[in-house]
Structures are given as structure tokens and as C-alpha cells.
Protein backbone atom coordinates (compact mmCIF):
# COMPACT_ATOMS: atom_id res chain seq x y z
CA UNK A 1 89.82 -98.45 -47.81
CA UNK A 2 92.69 -98.61 -50.26
CA UNK A 3 94.83 -95.50 -50.77
CA UNK A 4 97.33 -95.23 -53.55
CA UNK A 5 100.57 -93.35 -53.12
CA UNK A 6 99.07 -90.66 -55.32
CA UNK A 7 96.08 -90.26 -53.00
CA UNK A 8 98.33 -90.18 -49.98
CA UNK A 9 100.45 -87.45 -51.53
CA UNK A 10 97.37 -85.48 -52.58
CA UNK A 11 95.85 -85.79 -49.12
CA UNK A 12 99.04 -84.67 -47.45
CA UNK A 13 99.35 -81.72 -49.81
CA UNK A 14 95.76 -80.65 -49.14
CA UNK A 15 96.26 -80.90 -45.39
CA UNK A 16 99.41 -78.83 -45.62
CA UNK A 17 97.58 -76.13 -47.59
CA UNK A 18 94.80 -76.05 -45.02
CA UNK A 19 97.30 -75.64 -42.19
CA UNK A 20 99.12 -72.89 -44.05
CA UNK A 21 95.81 -71.16 -44.80
CA UNK A 22 94.74 -71.35 -41.17
CA UNK A 23 98.06 -69.98 -39.95
CA UNK A 24 97.87 -67.17 -42.52
CA UNK A 25 94.34 -66.29 -41.41
CA UNK A 26 95.35 -66.21 -37.74
CA UNK A 27 98.38 -64.07 -38.62
CA UNK A 28 96.29 -61.67 -40.71
CA UNK A 29 93.79 -61.30 -37.87
CA UNK A 30 96.65 -60.50 -35.50
CA UNK A 31 98.01 -57.91 -37.93
CA UNK A 32 94.55 -56.35 -38.29
CA UNK A 33 94.26 -56.04 -34.53
CA UNK A 34 97.71 -54.49 -34.27
CA UNK A 35 97.01 -52.02 -37.07
CA UNK A 36 94.01 -50.52 -35.32
CA UNK A 37 94.76 -47.16 -33.76
CA UNK A 38 94.94 -47.08 -29.94
CA UNK A 39 91.88 -44.85 -29.65
CA UNK A 40 89.87 -47.24 -31.81
CA UNK A 41 90.93 -50.15 -29.62
CA UNK A 42 89.77 -48.20 -26.57
CA UNK A 43 86.44 -47.52 -28.28
CA UNK A 44 86.03 -51.20 -29.12
CA UNK A 45 86.77 -52.19 -25.53
CA UNK A 46 84.10 -49.77 -24.36
CA UNK A 47 81.52 -51.26 -26.72
CA UNK A 48 82.41 -54.75 -25.55
CA UNK A 49 82.25 -53.86 -21.86
CA UNK A 50 79.19 -51.58 -21.92
CA UNK A 51 77.05 -53.17 -24.62
CA UNK A 52 78.17 -56.77 -25.03
CA UNK A 53 79.58 -56.53 -28.55
CA UNK A 54 82.05 -59.19 -29.69
CA UNK A 55 85.58 -57.83 -29.86
CA UNK A 56 86.66 -59.83 -32.91
CA UNK A 57 83.54 -58.72 -34.84
CA UNK A 58 84.20 -55.04 -34.15
CA UNK A 59 87.85 -55.39 -35.12
CA UNK A 60 86.84 -56.89 -38.46
CA UNK A 61 84.32 -54.09 -38.98
CA UNK A 62 86.79 -51.30 -38.23
CA UNK A 63 89.36 -52.88 -40.50
CA UNK A 64 86.92 -52.44 -43.41
CA UNK A 65 86.10 -48.81 -42.67
CA UNK A 66 87.40 -46.20 -45.10
CA UNK A 67 88.52 -42.89 -43.62
CA UNK A 68 87.36 -40.00 -45.81
CA UNK A 69 89.58 -36.86 -45.70
CA UNK A 70 86.99 -35.09 -47.89
CA UNK A 71 84.54 -35.27 -44.98
CA UNK A 72 86.96 -33.40 -42.72
CA UNK A 73 87.36 -30.76 -45.42
CA UNK A 74 83.61 -30.36 -45.83
CA UNK A 75 82.74 -30.14 -42.15
CA UNK A 76 85.52 -27.62 -41.62
CA UNK A 77 83.79 -25.26 -44.07
CA UNK A 78 80.08 -25.41 -43.21
CA UNK A 79 77.52 -23.51 -45.29
CA UNK A 80 76.64 -21.45 -42.21
CA UNK A 81 80.03 -19.75 -42.47
CA UNK A 82 78.62 -17.82 -45.42
CA UNK A 83 76.96 -14.45 -44.86
CA UNK A 84 73.17 -14.54 -44.57
CA UNK A 85 72.57 -13.06 -48.03
CA UNK A 86 74.46 -15.98 -49.59
CA UNK A 87 73.03 -18.65 -47.28
CA UNK A 88 69.28 -18.12 -47.42
CA UNK A 89 68.69 -18.14 -51.24
CA UNK A 90 69.72 -21.81 -51.29
CA UNK A 91 66.73 -22.69 -49.10
CA UNK A 92 64.25 -19.88 -49.65
CA UNK A 93 63.49 -19.76 -53.34
CA UNK A 94 60.44 -20.26 -55.52
CA UNK A 95 61.29 -23.82 -56.51
CA UNK A 96 61.68 -25.01 -52.93
CA UNK A 97 58.53 -23.16 -51.89
CA UNK A 98 56.51 -24.77 -54.69
CA UNK A 99 57.93 -28.20 -53.90
CA UNK A 100 56.92 -27.61 -50.29
CA UNK A 101 53.33 -27.01 -51.31
CA UNK A 102 53.40 -30.21 -53.38
CA UNK A 103 54.87 -32.17 -50.48
CA UNK A 104 52.16 -30.85 -48.17
CA UNK A 105 49.43 -31.76 -50.64
CA UNK A 106 50.79 -35.27 -51.16
CA UNK A 107 51.15 -35.91 -47.42
CA UNK A 108 48.23 -33.82 -46.16
CA UNK A 109 46.58 -36.54 -44.06
CA UNK A 110 49.83 -37.57 -42.40
CA UNK A 111 50.82 -33.97 -41.69
CA UNK A 112 47.38 -33.23 -40.26
CA UNK A 113 47.60 -36.25 -37.98
CA UNK A 114 51.11 -35.29 -36.83
CA UNK A 115 49.99 -31.73 -36.16
CA UNK A 116 47.03 -32.95 -34.13
CA UNK A 117 49.04 -35.50 -32.16
CA UNK A 118 52.17 -33.44 -31.49
CA UNK A 119 51.00 -29.85 -31.88
CA UNK A 120 53.47 -28.91 -34.62
CA UNK A 121 52.09 -26.92 -37.60
CA UNK A 122 52.20 -28.76 -40.90
CA UNK A 123 54.17 -25.98 -42.57
CA UNK A 124 56.93 -26.23 -39.94
CA UNK A 125 57.36 -29.98 -40.47
CA UNK A 126 57.26 -29.50 -44.24
CA UNK A 127 59.80 -26.68 -44.26
CA UNK A 128 62.19 -28.49 -41.96
CA UNK A 129 62.21 -31.54 -44.22
CA UNK A 130 62.50 -29.17 -47.18
CA UNK A 131 65.62 -27.55 -45.78
CA UNK A 132 67.15 -30.83 -44.60
CA UNK A 133 66.79 -33.01 -47.70
CA UNK A 134 64.76 -31.13 -50.31
CA UNK A 135 61.70 -33.12 -49.23
CA UNK A 136 63.55 -36.43 -49.14
CA UNK A 137 65.34 -36.10 -52.47
CA UNK A 138 68.83 -35.43 -51.10
CA UNK A 139 69.53 -37.70 -48.13
CA UNK A 140 73.28 -38.08 -48.64
CA UNK A 141 75.58 -40.58 -50.32
CA UNK A 142 78.16 -41.28 -47.60
CA UNK A 143 78.26 -44.56 -45.73
CA UNK A 144 77.24 -43.49 -42.25
CA UNK A 145 79.78 -45.81 -40.63
CA UNK A 146 82.62 -44.30 -42.66
CA UNK A 147 81.48 -40.75 -41.94
CA UNK A 148 81.09 -41.20 -38.19
CA UNK A 149 84.37 -43.09 -37.82
CA UNK A 150 86.22 -40.47 -39.84
CA UNK A 151 84.89 -37.69 -37.61
CA UNK A 152 85.16 -39.64 -34.37
CA UNK A 153 88.87 -40.27 -34.74
CA UNK A 154 90.11 -37.56 -37.11
CA UNK A 155 88.18 -34.40 -36.21
CA UNK A 156 89.50 -33.36 -32.81
CA UNK A 157 87.23 -30.35 -32.52
CA UNK A 158 84.13 -32.52 -31.99
CA UNK A 159 85.61 -35.97 -31.54
CA UNK A 160 83.66 -36.73 -28.35
CA UNK A 161 80.34 -35.87 -30.02
CA UNK A 162 80.98 -38.10 -33.01
CA UNK A 163 82.29 -40.98 -30.89
CA UNK A 164 79.03 -40.86 -28.98
CA UNK A 165 77.14 -40.89 -32.27
CA UNK A 166 79.25 -43.79 -33.54
CA UNK A 167 78.34 -45.70 -30.38
CA UNK A 168 74.67 -44.93 -30.96
CA UNK A 169 74.94 -46.02 -34.59
CA UNK A 170 76.34 -49.41 -33.64
CA UNK A 171 73.50 -49.85 -31.15
CA UNK A 172 70.90 -48.68 -33.68
CA UNK A 173 71.96 -51.10 -36.41
CA UNK A 174 72.11 -53.96 -33.92
CA UNK A 175 68.61 -53.18 -32.67
CA UNK A 176 67.21 -52.95 -36.18
CA UNK A 177 69.15 -55.94 -37.51
CA UNK A 178 70.49 -53.74 -40.30
CA UNK A 179 73.70 -54.27 -42.26
CA UNK A 180 76.03 -51.79 -40.61
CA UNK A 181 77.65 -50.88 -43.94
CA UNK A 182 74.43 -50.41 -45.88
CA UNK A 183 73.04 -47.17 -44.45
CA UNK A 184 73.97 -43.97 -46.26
CA UNK A 185 73.55 -40.40 -45.08
CA UNK A 186 75.19 -37.01 -44.84
CA UNK A 187 78.88 -36.27 -44.43
CA UNK A 188 78.16 -35.81 -40.70
CA UNK A 189 76.41 -39.16 -40.35
CA UNK A 190 72.82 -37.90 -40.38
CA UNK A 191 70.28 -40.42 -41.61
CA UNK A 192 67.18 -40.41 -43.78
CA UNK A 193 64.53 -37.94 -44.89
CA UNK A 194 64.73 -35.83 -41.69
CA UNK A 195 68.51 -36.32 -41.28
CA UNK A 196 68.47 -37.65 -37.72
CA UNK A 197 71.77 -38.36 -36.03
CA UNK A 198 71.86 -41.90 -34.61
CA UNK A 199 71.20 -40.74 -31.03
CA UNK A 200 68.10 -38.83 -32.15
CA UNK A 201 67.02 -41.79 -34.29
CA UNK A 202 67.05 -44.08 -31.26
CA UNK A 203 65.39 -41.55 -28.95
CA UNK A 204 62.85 -39.63 -31.05
CA UNK A 205 62.08 -41.60 -34.23
CA UNK A 206 58.59 -43.12 -34.31
CA UNK A 207 56.71 -45.70 -36.37
CA UNK A 208 54.12 -43.27 -37.71
CA UNK A 209 52.86 -45.47 -40.53
CA UNK A 210 52.24 -48.32 -38.06
CA UNK A 211 53.98 -50.99 -40.12
CA UNK A 212 55.89 -52.38 -37.16
CA UNK A 213 59.25 -50.76 -37.94
CA UNK A 214 60.86 -47.33 -37.95
CA UNK A 215 62.34 -46.38 -41.32
CA UNK A 216 63.44 -42.77 -41.70
CA UNK A 217 65.00 -43.45 -45.10
CA UNK A 218 62.06 -45.16 -46.79
CA UNK A 219 58.93 -43.97 -44.97
CA UNK A 220 57.83 -40.35 -45.37
CA UNK A 221 55.19 -40.93 -42.68
CA UNK A 222 57.82 -42.06 -40.18
CA UNK A 223 59.90 -39.00 -41.07
CA UNK A 224 56.97 -36.62 -40.55
CA UNK A 225 55.97 -38.16 -37.23
CA UNK A 226 59.56 -38.25 -36.02
CA UNK A 227 60.20 -34.58 -36.81
CA UNK A 228 57.02 -33.64 -34.94
CA UNK A 229 57.97 -35.83 -31.98
CA UNK A 230 61.46 -34.32 -31.89
CA UNK A 231 60.18 -30.74 -31.77
CA UNK A 232 57.55 -31.52 -29.16
CA UNK A 233 60.10 -33.35 -27.02
CA UNK A 234 62.33 -30.28 -27.09
CA UNK A 235 59.65 -27.95 -25.77
CA UNK A 236 57.62 -26.66 -28.72
CA UNK A 237 54.93 -24.30 -27.45
CA UNK A 238 51.63 -24.92 -29.21
CA UNK A 239 50.40 -21.72 -30.91
CA UNK A 240 53.42 -19.88 -29.53
CA UNK A 241 55.28 -17.22 -31.54
CA UNK A 242 58.40 -18.14 -33.49
CA UNK A 243 60.04 -14.98 -34.86
CA UNK A 244 59.17 -11.38 -35.65
CA UNK A 245 60.99 -8.46 -37.13
CA UNK A 246 62.40 -5.95 -34.67
CA UNK A 247 62.92 -2.22 -34.88
CA UNK A 248 66.16 -0.91 -33.44
CA UNK A 249 66.12 2.79 -32.67
CA UNK A 250 68.77 5.09 -34.11
CA UNK A 251 71.79 5.29 -31.90
CA UNK A 252 71.01 2.01 -30.17
CA UNK A 253 74.21 0.01 -29.99
CA UNK A 254 73.28 -2.89 -27.76
CA UNK A 255 73.46 -5.79 -30.15
CA UNK A 256 76.78 -7.06 -28.83
CA UNK A 257 75.50 -6.72 -25.26
CA UNK A 258 72.23 -8.50 -25.96
CA UNK A 259 73.46 -11.06 -28.46
CA UNK A 260 72.62 -14.46 -27.00
CA UNK A 261 73.29 -16.90 -29.82
CA UNK A 262 70.03 -18.85 -29.62
CA UNK A 263 68.35 -19.09 -26.24
CA UNK A 264 65.76 -16.39 -25.38
CA UNK A 265 66.68 -14.73 -22.09
CA UNK A 266 65.58 -11.08 -22.20
CA UNK A 267 61.98 -9.97 -21.84
CA UNK A 268 60.33 -7.71 -24.37
CA UNK A 269 60.05 -5.12 -21.62
CA UNK A 270 63.81 -5.11 -21.11
CA UNK A 271 64.53 -5.00 -24.83
CA UNK A 272 62.29 -1.96 -25.21
CA UNK A 273 64.46 -0.16 -22.67
CA UNK A 274 67.37 -0.72 -25.02
CA UNK A 275 65.42 0.74 -27.93
CA UNK A 276 64.48 -2.61 -29.45
CA UNK A 277 60.81 -3.25 -30.18
CA UNK A 278 58.97 -6.12 -31.91
CA UNK A 279 56.95 -5.40 -35.04
CA UNK A 280 53.92 -7.19 -33.55
CA UNK A 281 52.07 -6.76 -30.28
CA UNK A 282 53.42 -9.28 -27.80
CA UNK A 283 53.35 -9.52 -24.01
CA UNK A 284 56.12 -7.63 -22.23
CA UNK A 285 57.03 -10.68 -20.17
CA UNK A 286 57.69 -12.84 -23.23
CA UNK A 287 61.38 -13.73 -23.48
CA UNK A 288 63.24 -13.51 -26.76
CA UNK A 289 66.66 -13.44 -28.37
CA UNK A 290 67.94 -10.73 -30.71
CA UNK A 291 68.94 -11.91 -34.18
CA UNK A 292 71.05 -9.89 -36.60
CA UNK A 293 71.09 -10.77 -40.29
CA UNK A 294 73.57 -9.05 -42.55
CA UNK A 295 72.44 -8.41 -46.12
CA UNK A 296 74.52 -6.76 -48.80
CA UNK A 297 73.12 -3.29 -48.36
CA UNK A 298 71.24 -3.39 -45.08
CA UNK A 299 70.91 -5.17 -41.75
CA UNK A 300 67.80 -6.97 -40.51
CA UNK A 301 66.95 -7.40 -36.86
CA UNK A 302 64.59 -10.10 -35.65
CA UNK A 303 63.42 -11.45 -32.33
CA UNK A 304 63.35 -15.20 -31.79
CA UNK A 305 61.10 -16.78 -29.17
CA UNK A 306 60.93 -20.20 -27.53
CA UNK A 307 59.86 -22.00 -30.70
CA UNK A 308 62.76 -20.46 -32.59
CA UNK A 309 65.05 -21.90 -29.93
CA UNK A 310 63.41 -25.33 -30.34
CA UNK A 311 64.27 -25.30 -34.06
CA UNK A 312 67.91 -24.66 -33.10
CA UNK A 313 67.84 -27.86 -31.05
CA UNK A 314 67.51 -29.61 -34.42
CA UNK A 315 70.40 -27.65 -35.89
CA UNK A 316 72.28 -25.11 -33.78
CA UNK A 317 72.68 -22.58 -36.56
CA UNK A 318 70.67 -19.36 -36.30
CA UNK A 319 70.67 -19.19 -40.10
CA UNK A 320 69.22 -22.68 -40.27
CA UNK A 321 66.36 -21.89 -37.89
CA UNK A 322 65.58 -18.64 -39.70
CA UNK A 323 65.52 -20.45 -43.05
CA UNK A 324 63.11 -23.11 -41.76
CA UNK A 325 60.75 -20.54 -40.29
CA UNK A 326 60.79 -18.14 -43.22
CA UNK A 327 60.37 -21.00 -45.69
CA UNK A 328 57.42 -22.31 -43.65
CA UNK A 329 55.70 -18.92 -43.87
CA UNK A 330 56.12 -18.79 -47.64
CA UNK A 331 54.89 -22.37 -48.11
CA UNK A 332 51.81 -21.61 -46.01
CA UNK A 333 51.14 -18.38 -47.93
CA UNK A 334 51.44 -20.05 -51.35
CA UNK A 335 49.27 -22.97 -50.29
CA UNK A 336 46.59 -20.65 -48.90
CA UNK A 337 46.61 -18.61 -52.11
CA UNK A 338 45.76 -21.73 -54.11
CA UNK A 339 42.76 -22.69 -52.02
CA UNK A 340 39.35 -22.19 -53.68
């Protein structure tokens, strides 16, 4: 083949550009690797060693991640830091109750099947989804990868928890064949209609619509079945009590002594000795926890039983569990009132 001087020069120039481009790429990759924080490098090494991820792929992924200071600000001021009288109206109001009845009506067959299969009342599943995402309408706009990485390496208070969830998220997206950057969720990295953290997604989410895949963001049926499975797996007692109001006798000052955060430890019999009695008849051997809710002008006392504790396995806040249970009662009452 005949090459002119011009072709030779052009060919040499092109080759030189390719070499320069290759060297630049290799240099940029080296810089990327060096720019990663030591703790991120340790995390990557763990994922490579324990789960067979490719180191260079993870380094490229973490180089694209955007740390969000706003997430740290939000998680540092959770809604549960508000007093009860400011917290509950957000979740227990006429609009959310009515929407709950509509959600139940629209998904009646699925809720009935979940209740039968897992033993969870339809109103509990409905209310929990209602509190979490307003029945699937507010699932969050943060990239889950950005949120989890931000919290895993910039929120020292719960860094270990969020690093575990970041690990679970990488495994989840690999298992599902999902674009790791595509999934959006809450500022804490919770995903979909029921707001499952990645570890819960992998462990408790179910394919309840039987389409061959689990999709908590797009399938209401999968969300309903997964919530029911989660509660059952954490010890829900079928037909067991959840909460009841409590009467505290005048002069009784045992709240600080008996306060147990969430888990029921004291029997009704023992509580009665402290001047604390349930508003309903319940067996003296039943264990419960004392709940104190501060309103503007008065204080409410409640007793929470095993199923109350199970709700707190979903979210550890006492306020959260109370909101779910009280909302469920109001949804059930409104629905029953509309029956022929």
C-alpha cells in the first residue's frame, strides 16, 4: 500500500494522540484512587474480599458519588424530636385517614390475602404505608447511593449502621441487576412504598404479585406483602393487643422508674401495684410498656404490648408506633362507618 508523507504524518499524529489519551486516562484513574478517603478504600477492600466485587469498578462508582451535607442536617433534626402534640397531627388527620380508606378499598383483595397469609390486620398494613409514604405518594427524591455514602462516612453517630446498609445496597443492586445510581429514596436511604432499608429489602421483601421480581417502588402488592412479612417475622401476635390507655393514680410517680423505651417487660399485675391500670380488661400476666405522651395542656398515659413493640422494630420511635396504631384505628372506624 502506498502512503504519502501526508498520510504518514497524519498517522503518526493520531498515534501520538492515542498514546497521550491513554496515559492521561491511566493518570486520572490513579488520581481518582488516591483521592478516595482511607475509610472508603477500606470499605472497597471489604466488598472485594467478602463479596467478589471488582476494585476498579467500585472506585469509579465512589468517584461519582455526591456527598450531601443537607442529609446530615436533616437526620440530625428528626421529626421525632418534636413534642407529641406537634408530631402526631402530621400523620393523624382527616385527609390521611380518608386516603387510607381509599387505599384499602383499592387494594382490598391484596390486603385480605396478606392478612390471611401473614396474620396482620389490613388496617395496620394500610396505616404503616400511610405514615411511611402517604400511601406511596412520597417515596423520597434522594439517590440512595448518595444518601447511604454520605451517612456511612460523614455521620459518625451511626456510621457503622449506614456502612452495613451501604454494603447491603451494593449487594441488592447486583442481585437485581439494577443501575446502582437509579434508585431514589429517603434521606436515610430507605426505598420504595414501604421505605425498606436495603438490609430489610434483601431479607423481608417478597414478590407478592407473583410477576417474578420484587419491586417495592413500583408494585403496591409487593409493598403490602413485604410489610406483612416484616411484621410477622418480627413476632407479631395474631389477634394480640397493641395499645390501650392507662390510668395513673394521683400521687403515683413511677413513670421514670417504669419507663422502658419500647420493649414490654412489666406485667399488668406489677403495674397495678404502682397505681397504673389499663382502660380495658386484660390478663394480669400480660407484659407491657408504659408510654407517656405530652400534649399542650395534659399528659396521656398508654400501655404498649408485644405488637406495639413489633411496630417499633420497623421504626424505633415510640411516636412513630403510636401514630401507626392510632391511624389504623381511625381508618378502620371510618371504613366501617361507610359499610352498608
